[in-house]
Amino acid sequence: MTFEEIKNKLKNCTVGIAGAGGLGSNCAVALARVGIGTLIISDFDIVTESNLNRQYFFKDQLGQKKVLALKRNIERINPEVNIITHDIRLSENNIVDIYKNCDVVVEAFDLAEMKKMLIETFLSALPEMPLVLGLGMAGWGKNNDIKFRKSENLYICGDEESEIAEENPPLAPRVGMVANMQANTVLEILLNK
């Protein structure tokens, strides 16, 4: 398939991104670069100095809402992408309404309880929706530990072990690897339909 054929197929696809931090911002940019038609991005947070080590934001965006800053960054890369943003804290009460019309949803949360809530909500309310998870990307090195696994409509990217902690922070190289693996998984799902 040529790049033009890929773009023609992807321009009619909608991908949800739940979280606009390290995984979400980098995955969204990768998808925009290959010509995804619509991105639905949700996050409630603002860009802080500590985000700049791994998230697709710039120093002059400090203090801005992540969803709005990311939308502007993506528009500079590919203005043809339709970007729908939700400046909201996701919960089991709003996830279904926000993402029900997506072809695929990418989970991009830092907190384990948010990941759990998203997975449980999708499995009960949208069981047919492909959900691409990022699980285990903290620290550095250990390239060969990052892997892919599928379990029904759950697609898991990461080492599934390395928890984020003060002594094991999320850093750009491994976060970027997992975010791009998530984007590649989205492409595999959409292009193989």
N, C-alpha and C. Protein backbone atom coordinates (compact mmCIF):
# COMPACT_ATOMS: atom_id res chain seq x y z
N MET A 1 0.85 -1.18 0.00
CA MET A 1 0.00 0.00 0.00
C MET A 1 0.90 1.24 0.00
N THR A 2 0.64 2.17 -0.91
CA THR A 2 1.43 3.40 -0.97
C THR A 2 0.99 4.35 0.15
N PHE A 3 1.80 5.38 0.38
CA PHE A 3 1.44 6.36 1.41
C PHE A 3 0.14 7.07 1.05
N GLU A 4 -0.05 7.36 -0.23
CA GLU A 4 -1.30 8.00 -0.67
C GLU A 4 -2.51 7.10 -0.40
N GLU A 5 -2.37 5.81 -0.64
CA GLU A 5 -3.46 4.86 -0.36
C GLU A 5 -3.73 4.78 1.14
N ILE A 6 -2.66 4.80 1.93
CA ILE A 6 -2.82 4.79 3.39
C ILE A 6 -3.58 6.03 3.85
N LYS A 7 -3.14 7.21 3.37
CA LYS A 7 -3.82 8.46 3.76
C LYS A 7 -5.29 8.46 3.34
N ASN A 8 -5.57 7.95 2.14
CA ASN A 8 -6.96 7.90 1.67
C ASN A 8 -7.83 7.02 2.55
N LYS A 9 -7.27 5.94 3.04
CA LYS A 9 -8.03 5.05 3.92
C LYS A 9 -8.19 5.68 5.32
N LEU A 10 -7.12 6.29 5.82
CA LEU A 10 -7.15 6.84 7.18
C LEU A 10 -7.96 8.13 7.31
N LYS A 11 -8.14 8.86 6.20
CA LYS A 11 -8.84 10.15 6.30
C LYS A 11 -10.29 10.00 6.74
N ASN A 12 -10.83 8.80 6.63
CA ASN A 12 -12.21 8.55 7.07
C ASN A 12 -12.28 7.89 8.44
N CYS A 13 -11.16 7.80 9.13
CA CYS A 13 -11.11 7.12 10.43
C CYS A 13 -11.05 8.11 11.58
N THR A 14 -11.64 7.69 12.70
CA THR A 14 -11.64 8.50 13.92
C THR A 14 -10.98 7.71 15.03
N VAL A 15 -9.99 8.35 15.67
CA VAL A 15 -9.27 7.72 16.78
C VAL A 15 -9.43 8.59 18.01
N GLY A 16 -9.80 7.96 19.11
CA GLY A 16 -9.90 8.64 20.39
C GLY A 16 -8.60 8.51 21.16
N ILE A 17 -8.21 9.58 21.82
CA ILE A 17 -7.01 9.58 22.66
C ILE A 17 -7.46 10.01 24.05
N ALA A 18 -7.36 9.09 25.01
CA ALA A 18 -7.77 9.36 26.39
C ALA A 18 -6.54 9.73 27.21
N GLY A 19 -6.26 11.03 27.27
CA GLY A 19 -5.09 11.56 27.96
C GLY A 19 -4.16 12.21 26.97
N ALA A 20 -3.67 13.42 27.29
CA ALA A 20 -2.81 14.17 26.36
C ALA A 20 -1.42 14.39 26.92
N GLY A 21 -0.94 13.43 27.71
CA GLY A 21 0.40 13.54 28.29
C GLY A 21 1.43 12.88 27.40
N GLY A 22 2.36 12.13 28.03
CA GLY A 22 3.46 11.53 27.29
C GLY A 22 3.00 10.57 26.21
N LEU A 23 2.17 9.60 26.56
CA LEU A 23 1.67 8.66 25.57
C LEU A 23 0.73 9.35 24.59
N GLY A 24 -0.26 10.05 25.11
CA GLY A 24 -1.31 10.64 24.27
C GLY A 24 -0.80 11.67 23.29
N SER A 25 0.06 12.59 23.75
CA SER A 25 0.54 13.65 22.85
C SER A 25 1.41 13.07 21.74
N ASN A 26 2.30 12.14 22.09
CA ASN A 26 3.18 11.55 21.09
C ASN A 26 2.44 10.63 20.13
N CYS A 27 1.48 9.87 20.63
CA CYS A 27 0.68 9.00 19.77
C CYS A 27 -0.16 9.85 18.81
N ALA A 28 -0.78 10.91 19.31
CA ALA A 28 -1.61 11.78 18.48
C ALA A 28 -0.79 12.40 17.35
N VAL A 29 0.42 12.85 17.66
CA VAL A 29 1.29 13.45 16.64
C VAL A 29 1.66 12.41 15.58
N ALA A 30 1.99 11.20 16.00
CA ALA A 30 2.34 10.14 15.04
C ALA A 30 1.15 9.85 14.11
N LEU A 31 -0.05 9.81 14.67
CA LEU A 31 -1.24 9.54 13.85
C LEU A 31 -1.55 10.70 12.91
N ALA A 32 -1.34 11.92 13.38
CA ALA A 32 -1.55 13.09 12.52
C ALA A 32 -0.57 13.07 11.34
N ARG A 33 0.65 12.67 11.59
CA ARG A 33 1.67 12.64 10.53
C ARG A 33 1.33 11.66 9.41
N VAL A 34 0.59 10.60 9.73
CA VAL A 34 0.25 9.62 8.68
C VAL A 34 -1.12 9.89 8.07
N GLY A 35 -1.82 10.94 8.53
CA GLY A 35 -3.04 11.36 7.85
C GLY A 35 -4.35 10.86 8.43
N ILE A 36 -4.38 10.58 9.73
CA ILE A 36 -5.65 10.18 10.34
C ILE A 36 -6.67 11.29 10.12
N GLY A 37 -7.93 10.93 9.92
CA GLY A 37 -8.95 11.93 9.61
C GLY A 37 -9.37 12.75 10.80
N THR A 38 -9.72 12.08 11.91
CA THR A 38 -10.23 12.79 13.09
C THR A 38 -9.58 12.22 14.34
N LEU A 39 -9.16 13.13 15.22
CA LEU A 39 -8.67 12.77 16.56
C LEU A 39 -9.60 13.39 17.58
N ILE A 40 -10.05 12.58 18.53
CA ILE A 40 -10.84 13.07 19.66
C ILE A 40 -9.95 12.94 20.89
N ILE A 41 -9.50 14.07 21.42
CA ILE A 41 -8.51 14.09 22.50
C ILE A 41 -9.14 14.70 23.75
N SER A 42 -8.99 13.96 24.87
CA SER A 42 -9.54 14.44 26.15
C SER A 42 -8.46 14.47 27.22
N ASP A 43 -8.43 15.56 27.98
CA ASP A 43 -7.55 15.72 29.13
C ASP A 43 -8.00 16.98 29.86
N PHE A 44 -7.72 17.06 31.14
CA PHE A 44 -8.13 18.22 31.93
C PHE A 44 -6.94 19.05 32.40
N ASP A 45 -5.73 18.58 32.15
CA ASP A 45 -4.52 19.13 32.76
C ASP A 45 -3.93 20.28 31.95
N ILE A 46 -2.95 20.94 32.56
CA ILE A 46 -2.20 22.00 31.89
C ILE A 46 -0.76 21.53 31.69
N VAL A 47 -0.07 22.17 30.77
CA VAL A 47 1.33 21.88 30.49
C VAL A 47 2.19 22.46 31.61
N THR A 48 3.04 21.62 32.19
CA THR A 48 3.97 22.07 33.24
C THR A 48 5.40 21.78 32.80
N GLU A 49 6.34 22.40 33.48
CA GLU A 49 7.77 22.21 33.19
C GLU A 49 8.15 20.73 33.24
N SER A 50 7.60 20.00 34.20
CA SER A 50 7.96 18.58 34.35
C SER A 50 7.45 17.72 33.20
N ASN A 51 6.51 18.22 32.40
CA ASN A 51 6.00 17.47 31.25
C ASN A 51 6.95 17.49 30.06
N LEU A 52 7.81 18.50 30.01
CA LEU A 52 8.60 18.72 28.80
C LEU A 52 9.65 17.64 28.54
N ASN A 53 9.92 16.78 29.53
CA ASN A 53 10.92 15.73 29.31
C ASN A 53 10.39 14.58 28.46
N ARG A 54 9.07 14.55 28.18
CA ARG A 54 8.53 13.40 27.45
C ARG A 54 7.26 13.71 26.64
N GLN A 55 6.70 14.88 26.79
CA GLN A 55 5.43 15.18 26.13
C GLN A 55 5.64 16.14 24.97
N TYR A 56 4.73 16.10 23.98
CA TYR A 56 4.90 16.88 22.76
C TYR A 56 4.39 18.31 22.95
N PHE A 57 5.07 19.02 23.84
CA PHE A 57 4.76 20.42 24.12
C PHE A 57 6.06 21.21 24.13
N PHE A 58 5.92 22.54 24.15
CA PHE A 58 7.07 23.42 24.09
C PHE A 58 7.05 24.38 25.29
N LYS A 59 8.22 24.92 25.60
CA LYS A 59 8.38 25.78 26.78
C LYS A 59 7.40 26.96 26.76
N ASP A 60 7.14 27.52 25.59
CA ASP A 60 6.23 28.67 25.53
C ASP A 60 4.76 28.27 25.72
N GLN A 61 4.49 26.97 25.90
CA GLN A 61 3.13 26.50 26.14
C GLN A 61 2.87 26.20 27.62
N LEU A 62 3.84 26.45 28.47
CA LEU A 62 3.65 26.23 29.91
C LEU A 62 2.41 26.98 30.39
N GLY A 63 1.59 26.31 31.18
CA GLY A 63 0.38 26.91 31.73
C GLY A 63 -0.85 26.78 30.83
N GLN A 64 -0.66 26.36 29.59
CA GLN A 64 -1.79 26.19 28.68
C GLN A 64 -2.46 24.84 28.92
N LYS A 65 -3.73 24.76 28.60
CA LYS A 65 -4.44 23.49 28.65
C LYS A 65 -3.81 22.53 27.64
N LYS A 66 -3.55 21.30 28.08
CA LYS A 66 -2.88 20.33 27.20
C LYS A 66 -3.64 20.09 25.91
N VAL A 67 -4.96 19.93 26.00
CA VAL A 67 -5.72 19.62 24.77
C VAL A 67 -5.63 20.75 23.75
N LEU A 68 -5.61 22.00 24.22
CA LEU A 68 -5.54 23.13 23.29
C LEU A 68 -4.14 23.30 22.73
N ALA A 69 -3.12 23.12 23.58
CA ALA A 69 -1.74 23.21 23.11
C ALA A 69 -1.44 22.10 22.10
N LEU A 70 -1.90 20.89 22.40
CA LEU A 70 -1.68 19.77 21.48
C LEU A 70 -2.40 20.00 20.16
N LYS A 71 -3.61 20.51 20.22
CA LYS A 71 -4.35 20.81 18.99
C LYS A 71 -3.57 21.78 18.12
N ARG A 72 -3.02 22.83 18.72
CA ARG A 72 -2.23 23.81 17.95
C ARG A 72 -0.98 23.15 17.35
N ASN A 73 -0.33 22.29 18.12
CA ASN A 73 0.88 21.62 17.61
C ASN A 73 0.55 20.71 16.43
N ILE A 74 -0.54 19.96 16.56
CA ILE A 74 -0.93 19.06 15.46
C ILE A 74 -1.35 19.86 14.23
N GLU A 75 -2.04 20.97 14.42
CA GLU A 75 -2.45 21.80 13.29
C GLU A 75 -1.24 22.32 12.51
N ARG A 76 -0.12 22.53 13.20
CA ARG A 76 1.10 22.96 12.51
C ARG A 76 1.71 21.83 11.70
N ILE A 77 1.50 20.59 12.15
CA ILE A 77 2.05 19.42 11.47
C ILE A 77 1.16 19.01 10.30
N ASN A 78 -0.15 18.93 10.56
CA ASN A 78 -1.09 18.49 9.53
C ASN A 78 -2.43 19.19 9.74
N PRO A 79 -2.63 20.33 9.09
CA PRO A 79 -3.86 21.08 9.28
C PRO A 79 -5.11 20.39 8.75
N GLU A 80 -4.95 19.28 8.05
CA GLU A 80 -6.11 18.57 7.51
C GLU A 80 -6.77 17.65 8.54
N VAL A 81 -6.10 17.41 9.66
CA VAL A 81 -6.69 16.55 10.69
C VAL A 81 -7.80 17.32 11.41
N ASN A 82 -8.95 16.69 11.55
CA ASN A 82 -10.05 17.25 12.33
C ASN A 82 -9.77 16.89 13.80
N ILE A 83 -9.59 17.89 14.64
CA ILE A 83 -9.25 17.64 16.04
C ILE A 83 -10.38 18.12 16.92
N ILE A 84 -10.96 17.19 17.66
CA ILE A 84 -12.03 17.51 18.61
C ILE A 84 -11.44 17.35 20.00
N THR A 85 -11.50 18.41 20.79
CA THR A 85 -10.91 18.36 22.13
C THR A 85 -11.99 18.43 23.20
N HIS A 86 -11.69 17.77 24.31
CA HIS A 86 -12.55 17.82 25.50
C HIS A 86 -11.65 18.14 26.69
N ASP A 87 -11.81 19.34 27.22
CA ASP A 87 -11.07 19.76 28.41
C ASP A 87 -11.87 19.26 29.61
N ILE A 88 -11.64 17.99 29.96
CA ILE A 88 -12.49 17.33 30.95
C ILE A 88 -11.72 16.20 31.61
N ARG A 89 -12.03 15.94 32.86
CA ARG A 89 -11.50 14.75 33.53
C ARG A 89 -12.41 13.59 33.13
N LEU A 90 -11.84 12.60 32.51
CA LEU A 90 -12.63 11.46 32.06
C LEU A 90 -13.08 10.61 33.24
N SER A 91 -14.29 10.09 33.12
CA SER A 91 -14.85 9.20 34.14
C SER A 91 -15.78 8.21 33.46
N GLU A 92 -16.25 7.23 34.22
CA GLU A 92 -17.18 6.25 33.66
C GLU A 92 -18.48 6.91 33.21
N ASN A 93 -18.74 8.14 33.67
CA ASN A 93 -19.97 8.85 33.31
C ASN A 93 -19.88 9.59 31.97
N ASN A 94 -18.67 9.85 31.46
CA ASN A 94 -18.57 10.62 30.22
C ASN A 94 -17.79 9.93 29.10
N ILE A 95 -17.07 8.88 29.41
CA ILE A 95 -16.22 8.21 28.41
C ILE A 95 -17.02 7.71 27.21
N VAL A 96 -18.12 7.05 27.47
CA VAL A 96 -18.89 6.45 26.38
C VAL A 96 -19.39 7.53 25.42
N ASP A 97 -19.95 8.62 25.95
CA ASP A 97 -20.44 9.69 25.07
C ASP A 97 -19.33 10.31 24.23
N ILE A 98 -18.15 10.46 24.82
CA ILE A 98 -17.04 11.10 24.10
C ILE A 98 -16.48 10.20 23.01
N TYR A 99 -16.35 8.90 23.27
CA TYR A 99 -15.63 8.01 22.36
C TYR A 99 -16.49 7.00 21.60
N LYS A 100 -17.79 7.04 21.74
CA LYS A 100 -18.65 6.00 21.15
C LYS A 100 -18.58 5.93 19.63
N ASN A 101 -18.21 7.00 18.95
CA ASN A 101 -18.16 7.00 17.49
C ASN A 101 -16.76 6.80 16.92
N CYS A 102 -15.82 6.40 17.77
CA CYS A 102 -14.45 6.16 17.31
C CYS A 102 -14.31 4.78 16.67
N ASP A 103 -13.30 4.66 15.83
CA ASP A 103 -12.95 3.36 15.27
C ASP A 103 -12.02 2.61 16.22
N VAL A 104 -11.19 3.34 16.93
CA VAL A 104 -10.22 2.81 17.90
C VAL A 104 -10.02 3.87 18.97
N VAL A 105 -9.74 3.44 20.21
CA VAL A 105 -9.40 4.38 21.28
C VAL A 105 -8.05 4.00 21.87
N VAL A 106 -7.23 5.02 22.13
CA VAL A 106 -5.92 4.85 22.74
C VAL A 106 -6.00 5.31 24.19
N GLU A 107 -5.64 4.42 25.10
CA GLU A 107 -5.56 4.76 26.53
C GLU A 107 -4.18 5.35 26.79
N ALA A 108 -4.14 6.54 27.41
CA ALA A 108 -2.86 7.23 27.63
C ALA A 108 -2.83 7.90 29.01
N PHE A 109 -3.19 7.14 30.03
CA PHE A 109 -3.21 7.66 31.40
C PHE A 109 -1.93 7.28 32.15
N ASP A 110 -1.58 8.09 33.14
CA ASP A 110 -0.46 7.78 34.03
C ASP A 110 -0.90 6.88 35.18
N LEU A 111 -2.08 7.14 35.71
CA LEU A 111 -2.52 6.49 36.94
C LEU A 111 -3.20 5.15 36.69
N ALA A 112 -2.80 4.15 37.46
CA ALA A 112 -3.34 2.79 37.31
C ALA A 112 -4.85 2.76 37.51
N GLU A 113 -5.37 3.53 38.47
CA GLU A 113 -6.82 3.51 38.71
C GLU A 113 -7.61 4.10 37.54
N MET A 114 -7.02 5.07 36.83
CA MET A 114 -7.68 5.62 35.64
C MET A 114 -7.66 4.60 34.49
N LYS A 115 -6.54 3.91 34.33
CA LYS A 115 -6.46 2.86 33.31
C LYS A 115 -7.53 1.80 33.58
N LYS A 116 -7.62 1.37 34.84
CA LYS A 116 -8.58 0.35 35.23
C LYS A 116 -10.01 0.80 34.94
N MET A 117 -10.33 2.04 35.31
CA MET A 117 -11.67 2.59 35.09
C MET A 117 -12.01 2.61 33.60
N LEU A 118 -11.05 3.05 32.77
CA LEU A 118 -11.28 3.12 31.33
C LEU A 118 -11.51 1.72 30.75
N ILE A 119 -10.67 0.77 31.11
CA ILE A 119 -10.80 -0.59 30.61
C ILE A 119 -12.15 -1.19 31.01
N GLU A 120 -12.51 -1.06 32.27
CA GLU A 120 -13.77 -1.62 32.76
C GLU A 120 -14.97 -0.98 32.07
N THR A 121 -14.91 0.33 31.85
CA THR A 121 -16.00 1.03 31.18
C THR A 121 -16.15 0.56 29.75
N PHE A 122 -15.04 0.43 29.04
CA PHE A 122 -15.09 -0.04 27.65
C PHE A 122 -15.57 -1.48 27.57
N LEU A 123 -15.07 -2.33 28.45
CA LEU A 123 -15.47 -3.74 28.39
C LEU A 123 -16.96 -3.92 28.67
N SER A 124 -17.53 -3.06 29.50
CA SER A 124 -18.95 -3.21 29.81
C SER A 124 -19.84 -2.44 28.82
N ALA A 125 -19.45 -1.23 28.41
CA ALA A 125 -20.32 -0.40 27.59
C ALA A 125 -20.01 -0.45 26.09
N LEU A 126 -18.74 -0.63 25.73
CA LEU A 126 -18.32 -0.66 24.32
C LEU A 126 -17.40 -1.85 24.08
N PRO A 127 -17.89 -3.07 24.31
CA PRO A 127 -17.01 -4.25 24.26
C PRO A 127 -16.41 -4.54 22.88
N GLU A 128 -17.01 -4.03 21.81
CA GLU A 128 -16.48 -4.28 20.46
C GLU A 128 -15.43 -3.26 20.04
N MET A 129 -15.28 -2.18 20.82
CA MET A 129 -14.35 -1.11 20.48
C MET A 129 -12.91 -1.55 20.75
N PRO A 130 -12.02 -1.50 19.74
CA PRO A 130 -10.61 -1.79 20.00
C PRO A 130 -10.02 -0.73 20.93
N LEU A 131 -9.33 -1.17 21.97
CA LEU A 131 -8.72 -0.28 22.96
C LEU A 131 -7.23 -0.59 23.02
N VAL A 132 -6.40 0.42 22.72
CA VAL A 132 -4.94 0.25 22.67
C VAL A 132 -4.37 0.85 23.95
N LEU A 133 -3.77 0.00 24.78
CA LEU A 133 -3.28 0.38 26.09
C LEU A 133 -1.77 0.59 26.11
N GLY A 134 -1.32 1.50 26.96
CA GLY A 134 0.10 1.67 27.25
C GLY A 134 0.33 1.18 28.67
N LEU A 135 1.13 0.15 28.82
CA LEU A 135 1.31 -0.47 30.14
C LEU A 135 2.77 -0.81 30.37
N GLY A 136 3.45 0.02 31.16
CA GLY A 136 4.84 -0.24 31.50
C GLY A 136 5.82 0.42 30.57
N MET A 137 6.21 1.67 30.89
CA MET A 137 7.18 2.36 30.05
C MET A 137 8.13 3.24 30.85
N ALA A 138 8.10 3.13 32.17
CA ALA A 138 8.94 3.99 33.01
C ALA A 138 10.41 3.59 32.90
N GLY A 139 11.27 4.53 33.22
CA GLY A 139 12.71 4.28 33.27
C GLY A 139 13.38 4.42 31.92
N TRP A 140 14.48 3.68 31.75
CA TRP A 140 15.29 3.76 30.54
C TRP A 140 15.87 2.39 30.25
N GLY A 141 16.44 2.25 29.04
CA GLY A 141 17.04 0.98 28.65
C GLY A 141 15.99 -0.12 28.49
N LYS A 142 16.44 -1.35 28.55
CA LYS A 142 15.58 -2.53 28.47
C LYS A 142 14.66 -2.50 27.24
N ASN A 143 15.25 -2.15 26.10
CA ASN A 143 14.48 -2.05 24.86
C ASN A 143 13.72 -3.34 24.54
N ASN A 144 14.37 -4.46 24.75
CA ASN A 144 13.75 -5.73 24.38
C ASN A 144 12.61 -6.15 25.30
N ASP A 145 12.42 -5.44 26.42
CA ASP A 145 11.31 -5.75 27.32
C ASP A 145 9.99 -5.16 26.83
N ILE A 146 10.06 -4.17 25.96
CA ILE A 146 8.84 -3.56 25.44
C ILE A 146 8.27 -4.47 24.37
N LYS A 147 7.00 -4.81 24.56
CA LYS A 147 6.39 -5.80 23.68
C LYS A 147 4.93 -5.44 23.39
N PHE A 148 4.32 -6.28 22.61
CA PHE A 148 2.91 -6.12 22.22
C PHE A 148 2.18 -7.42 22.55
N ARG A 149 0.96 -7.27 23.05
CA ARG A 149 0.13 -8.44 23.33
C ARG A 149 -1.32 -8.07 23.07
N LYS A 150 -2.08 -8.99 22.50
CA LYS A 150 -3.51 -8.77 22.24
C LYS A 150 -4.32 -9.75 23.07
N SER A 151 -5.39 -9.22 23.66
CA SER A 151 -6.33 -10.04 24.42
C SER A 151 -7.73 -9.57 24.06
N GLU A 152 -8.39 -10.29 23.14
CA GLU A 152 -9.69 -9.91 22.59
C GLU A 152 -9.58 -8.52 21.96
N ASN A 153 -10.34 -7.52 22.44
CA ASN A 153 -10.25 -6.18 21.86
C ASN A 153 -9.31 -5.25 22.62
N LEU A 154 -8.46 -5.81 23.49
CA LEU A 154 -7.44 -5.04 24.18
C LEU A 154 -6.09 -5.30 23.51
N TYR A 155 -5.41 -4.23 23.15
CA TYR A 155 -4.09 -4.30 22.52
C TYR A 155 -3.12 -3.63 23.49
N ILE A 156 -2.18 -4.38 24.03
CA ILE A 156 -1.33 -3.89 25.12
C ILE A 156 0.08 -3.66 24.62
N CYS A 157 0.57 -2.42 24.81
CA CYS A 157 1.91 -2.02 24.39
C CYS A 157 2.71 -1.60 25.61
N GLY A 158 3.90 -2.13 25.78
CA GLY A 158 4.77 -1.78 26.90
C GLY A 158 5.39 -3.02 27.50
N ASP A 159 6.09 -2.85 28.62
CA ASP A 159 6.71 -4.02 29.25
C ASP A 159 5.79 -4.66 30.29
N GLU A 160 4.67 -4.02 30.57
CA GLU A 160 3.65 -4.50 31.53
C GLU A 160 4.19 -4.66 32.95
N GLU A 161 5.33 -4.05 33.25
CA GLU A 161 5.92 -4.19 34.58
C GLU A 161 6.39 -2.89 35.20
N SER A 162 7.10 -2.06 34.45
CA SER A 162 7.78 -0.90 35.04
C SER A 162 6.79 0.19 35.45
N GLU A 163 6.55 0.26 36.75
CA GLU A 163 5.64 1.26 37.32
C GLU A 163 6.35 2.61 37.42
N ILE A 164 5.63 3.67 37.18
CA ILE A 164 6.16 5.02 37.33
C ILE A 164 6.32 5.32 38.82
N ALA A 165 7.50 5.80 39.19
CA ALA A 165 7.79 6.15 40.58
C ALA A 165 8.86 7.24 40.59
N GLU A 166 9.07 7.85 41.74
CA GLU A 166 10.08 8.90 41.89
C GLU A 166 11.45 8.40 41.41
N GLU A 167 11.80 7.17 41.75
CA GLU A 167 13.09 6.60 41.37
C GLU A 167 13.04 5.86 40.02
N ASN A 168 11.88 5.87 39.37
CA ASN A 168 11.72 5.23 38.07
C ASN A 168 10.79 6.10 37.22
N PRO A 169 11.26 7.30 36.85
CA PRO A 169 10.37 8.26 36.17
C PRO A 169 10.11 7.88 34.72
N PRO A 170 9.01 8.40 34.18
CA PRO A 170 8.77 8.24 32.74
C PRO A 170 9.67 9.21 31.99
N LEU A 171 10.42 8.71 31.02
CA LEU A 171 11.35 9.52 30.24
C LEU A 171 11.04 9.38 28.75
N ALA A 172 11.42 10.39 28.00
CA ALA A 172 11.06 10.48 26.58
C ALA A 172 11.37 9.22 25.76
N PRO A 173 12.54 8.59 25.88
CA PRO A 173 12.80 7.46 24.98
C PRO A 173 11.82 6.30 25.11
N ARG A 174 11.61 5.80 26.33
CA ARG A 174 10.70 4.65 26.49
C ARG A 174 9.24 5.06 26.31
N VAL A 175 8.86 6.24 26.79
CA VAL A 175 7.49 6.72 26.59
C VAL A 175 7.22 6.86 25.10
N GLY A 176 8.19 7.42 24.37
CA GLY A 176 8.04 7.57 22.92
C GLY A 176 7.94 6.23 22.20
N MET A 177 8.73 5.25 22.66
CA MET A 177 8.65 3.92 22.05
C MET A 177 7.25 3.34 22.20
N VAL A 178 6.70 3.43 23.40
CA VAL A 178 5.37 2.86 23.64
C VAL A 178 4.30 3.66 22.90
N ALA A 179 4.39 4.99 22.92
CA ALA A 179 3.42 5.83 22.22
C ALA A 179 3.42 5.53 20.72
N ASN A 180 4.59 5.35 20.14
CA ASN A 180 4.67 5.03 18.72
C ASN A 180 4.22 3.60 18.45
N MET A 181 4.45 2.70 19.39
CA MET A 181 3.92 1.34 19.26
C MET A 181 2.39 1.38 19.29
N GLN A 182 1.83 2.24 20.15
CA GLN A 182 0.37 2.39 20.17
C GLN A 182 -0.13 2.93 18.83
N ALA A 183 0.54 3.94 18.29
CA ALA A 183 0.12 4.50 16.99
C ALA A 183 0.24 3.45 15.90
N ASN A 184 1.30 2.66 15.92
CA ASN A 184 1.48 1.61 14.93
C ASN A 184 0.39 0.54 15.06
N THR A 185 -0.01 0.24 16.28
CA THR A 185 -1.09 -0.72 16.52
C THR A 185 -2.41 -0.19 15.97
N VAL A 186 -2.66 1.11 16.18
CA VAL A 186 -3.86 1.74 15.62
C VAL A 186 -3.86 1.58 14.10
N LEU A 187 -2.73 1.85 13.47
CA LEU A 187 -2.65 1.70 12.01
C LEU A 187 -2.92 0.27 11.58
N GLU A 188 -2.36 -0.68 12.31
CA GLU A 188 -2.58 -2.08 11.97
C GLU A 188 -4.06 -2.44 12.05
N ILE A 189 -4.73 -1.95 13.08
CA ILE A 189 -6.17 -2.22 13.22
C ILE A 189 -6.95 -1.59 12.07
N LEU A 190 -6.69 -0.33 11.81
CA LEU A 190 -7.46 0.41 10.80
C LEU A 190 -7.16 -0.04 9.37
N LEU A 191 -5.91 -0.29 9.07
CA LEU A 191 -5.53 -0.63 7.69
C LEU A 191 -5.82 -2.09 7.35
N ASN A 192 -6.01 -2.91 8.36
CA ASN A 192 -6.33 -4.32 8.11
C ASN A 192 -7.82 -4.61 8.17
N LYS A 193 -8.64 -3.56 8.33
CA LYS A 193 -10.09 -3.76 8.38
C LYS A 193 -10.58 -4.25 7.04
